[in-house]
Amino acid sequence: MAYQVITNCPVCSKTLKITKLQCTHCHTTIENEFELSKLASLSKEQLHFVEVFLLCRGNIKEVEKELGISYPTVRGKLTDIILSLGYEKKKNVVDEKKVVTMLENGEITPEEAIKLLKED
């Protein structure tokens, strides 16, 4: 039975290194220090969100529908994932014209537009 790779030590919570790989066909074993991708450090919930986001081709409105969450919640989850991957949050420069267009197209509610315009 295969288990999902854990990325943090269950004893001290520090990052684990993969030190052994084995072929399931010929059983060749390779030992060294290997690193996981940054995506491997995401939680199951975050990975599910990333999968939905990609399947929706980054269309936030579609992600909202698929997950049954609001536009600000989608943005918040994206920010959490960006931070989890080790990237710093950039200051938002709100494009007021884009917010108005999204509001006119029914992509966001007036409340969501106000929240976006109030963000730094």
Protein backbone atom coordinates (compact mmCIF):
# COMPACT_ATOMS: atom_id res chain seq x y z
CA MET A 1 0.00 0.00 0.00
CA ALA A 2 1.38 3.41 -0.95
CA TYR A 3 1.11 6.33 1.46
CA GLN A 4 1.18 10.02 0.68
CA VAL A 5 4.61 11.54 1.26
CA ILE A 6 4.85 13.54 4.46
CA THR A 7 6.95 16.68 4.26
CA ASN A 8 7.44 17.51 7.95
CA CYS A 9 8.93 15.39 10.72
CA PRO A 10 6.23 14.02 13.04
CA VAL A 11 8.62 14.46 16.01
CA CYS A 12 10.08 17.97 15.59
CA SER A 13 8.00 19.38 12.68
CA LYS A 14 11.11 20.30 10.65
CA THR A 15 11.24 19.68 6.89
CA LEU A 16 12.02 16.11 5.84
CA LYS A 17 14.39 15.18 2.99
CA ILE A 18 13.74 12.23 0.73
CA THR A 19 16.80 9.99 0.78
CA LYS A 20 15.72 6.87 -1.07
CA LEU A 21 13.91 6.15 -4.34
CA GLN A 22 12.96 2.72 -5.63
CA CYS A 23 11.65 1.52 -9.00
CA THR A 24 8.43 -0.47 -8.61
CA HIS A 25 9.28 -2.56 -11.68
CA CYS A 26 12.93 -3.62 -11.36
CA HIS A 27 13.46 -2.59 -7.72
CA THR A 28 16.51 -0.46 -8.51
CA THR A 29 17.18 1.71 -5.46
CA ILE A 30 18.82 5.14 -5.53
CA GLU A 31 19.95 6.81 -2.32
CA ASN A 32 20.85 10.50 -2.03
CA GLU A 33 19.22 13.71 -0.84
CA PHE A 34 16.23 14.66 -2.98
CA GLU A 35 13.96 17.67 -2.68
CA LEU A 36 10.23 17.75 -3.22
CA SER A 37 8.60 20.45 -5.28
CA LYS A 38 7.09 23.38 -3.42
CA LEU A 39 3.64 22.03 -4.29
CA ALA A 40 4.32 18.93 -2.18
CA SER A 41 4.28 21.13 0.93
CA LEU A 42 0.66 22.17 0.37
CA SER A 43 -2.17 20.63 2.40
CA LYS A 44 -4.72 18.31 0.76
CA GLU A 45 -7.25 21.16 0.81
CA GLN A 46 -4.81 23.55 -0.86
CA LEU A 47 -3.88 20.96 -3.50
CA HIS A 48 -7.57 20.39 -4.25
CA PHE A 49 -8.05 24.13 -4.66
CA VAL A 50 -5.04 24.32 -7.03
CA GLU A 51 -6.46 21.43 -9.06
CA VAL A 52 -9.87 23.11 -9.36
CA PHE A 53 -8.21 26.43 -10.20
CA LEU A 54 -6.21 24.80 -13.00
CA LEU A 55 -9.20 22.85 -14.34
CA CYS A 56 -11.08 26.17 -14.48
CA ARG A 57 -8.07 27.64 -16.34
CA GLY A 58 -7.66 30.31 -13.69
CA ASN A 59 -11.17 31.68 -14.21
CA ILE A 60 -12.06 32.83 -10.71
CA LYS A 61 -15.77 33.01 -11.52
CA GLU A 62 -15.69 29.32 -12.51
CA VAL A 63 -13.75 28.45 -9.34
CA GLU A 64 -16.45 30.25 -7.33
CA LYS A 65 -19.16 28.13 -8.97
CA GLU A 66 -17.24 24.86 -8.70
CA LEU A 67 -16.43 25.29 -5.01
CA GLY A 68 -19.47 27.31 -3.99
CA ILE A 69 -17.38 30.12 -2.50
CA SER A 70 -17.24 33.88 -3.02
CA TYR A 71 -14.76 35.90 -5.07
CA PRO A 72 -12.96 37.25 -1.97
CA THR A 73 -12.70 33.71 -0.58
CA VAL A 74 -11.10 32.50 -3.82
CA ARG A 75 -8.61 35.37 -3.68
CA GLY A 76 -7.91 34.63 -0.02
CA LYS A 77 -7.22 30.97 -0.75
CA LEU A 78 -4.89 31.97 -3.60
CA THR A 79 -3.01 34.31 -1.27
CA ASP A 80 -2.69 31.57 1.37
CA ILE A 81 -1.28 29.17 -1.23
CA ILE A 82 1.16 31.78 -2.54
CA LEU A 83 2.40 32.39 1.00
CA SER A 84 2.61 28.62 1.70
CA LEU A 85 4.81 28.24 -1.37
CA GLY A 86 7.25 30.73 0.16
CA TYR A 87 6.43 33.78 -1.92
CA GLU A 88 5.80 37.10 -0.27
CA LYS A 89 2.48 38.82 -0.64
CA LYS A 90 2.74 41.76 -3.01
CA LYS A 91 0.88 44.94 -2.30
CA ASN A 92 -2.28 44.94 -4.37
CA VAL A 93 -2.56 47.70 -6.88
CA VAL A 94 -6.29 47.78 -7.53
CA ASP A 95 -7.25 48.48 -11.11
CA GLU A 96 -10.44 50.43 -10.53
CA LYS A 97 -11.51 50.11 -14.16
CA LYS A 98 -11.17 46.32 -13.98
CA VAL A 99 -13.27 46.21 -10.79
CA VAL A 100 -15.98 48.35 -12.42
CA THR A 101 -15.96 46.14 -15.53
CA MET A 102 -16.25 43.00 -13.39
CA LEU A 103 -19.14 44.59 -11.51
CA GLU A 104 -20.88 45.59 -14.75
CA ASN A 105 -20.44 42.07 -16.15
CA GLY A 106 -21.95 40.53 -13.02
CA GLU A 107 -18.70 38.77 -12.15
CA ILE A 108 -18.67 40.27 -8.65
CA THR A 109 -21.27 41.72 -6.33
CA PRO A 110 -21.30 45.39 -5.27
CA GLU A 111 -20.09 44.29 -1.81
CA GLU A 112 -17.15 42.41 -3.36
CA ALA A 113 -16.32 45.46 -5.53
CA ILE A 114 -16.26 47.69 -2.45
CA LYS A 115 -13.99 45.24 -0.63
CA LEU A 116 -11.61 45.08 -3.60
CA LEU A 117 -11.45 48.87 -3.87
CA LYS A 118 -10.67 49.15 -0.15
CA GLU A 119 -7.75 46.69 -0.34
CA ASP A 120 -4.20 48.06 -0.23
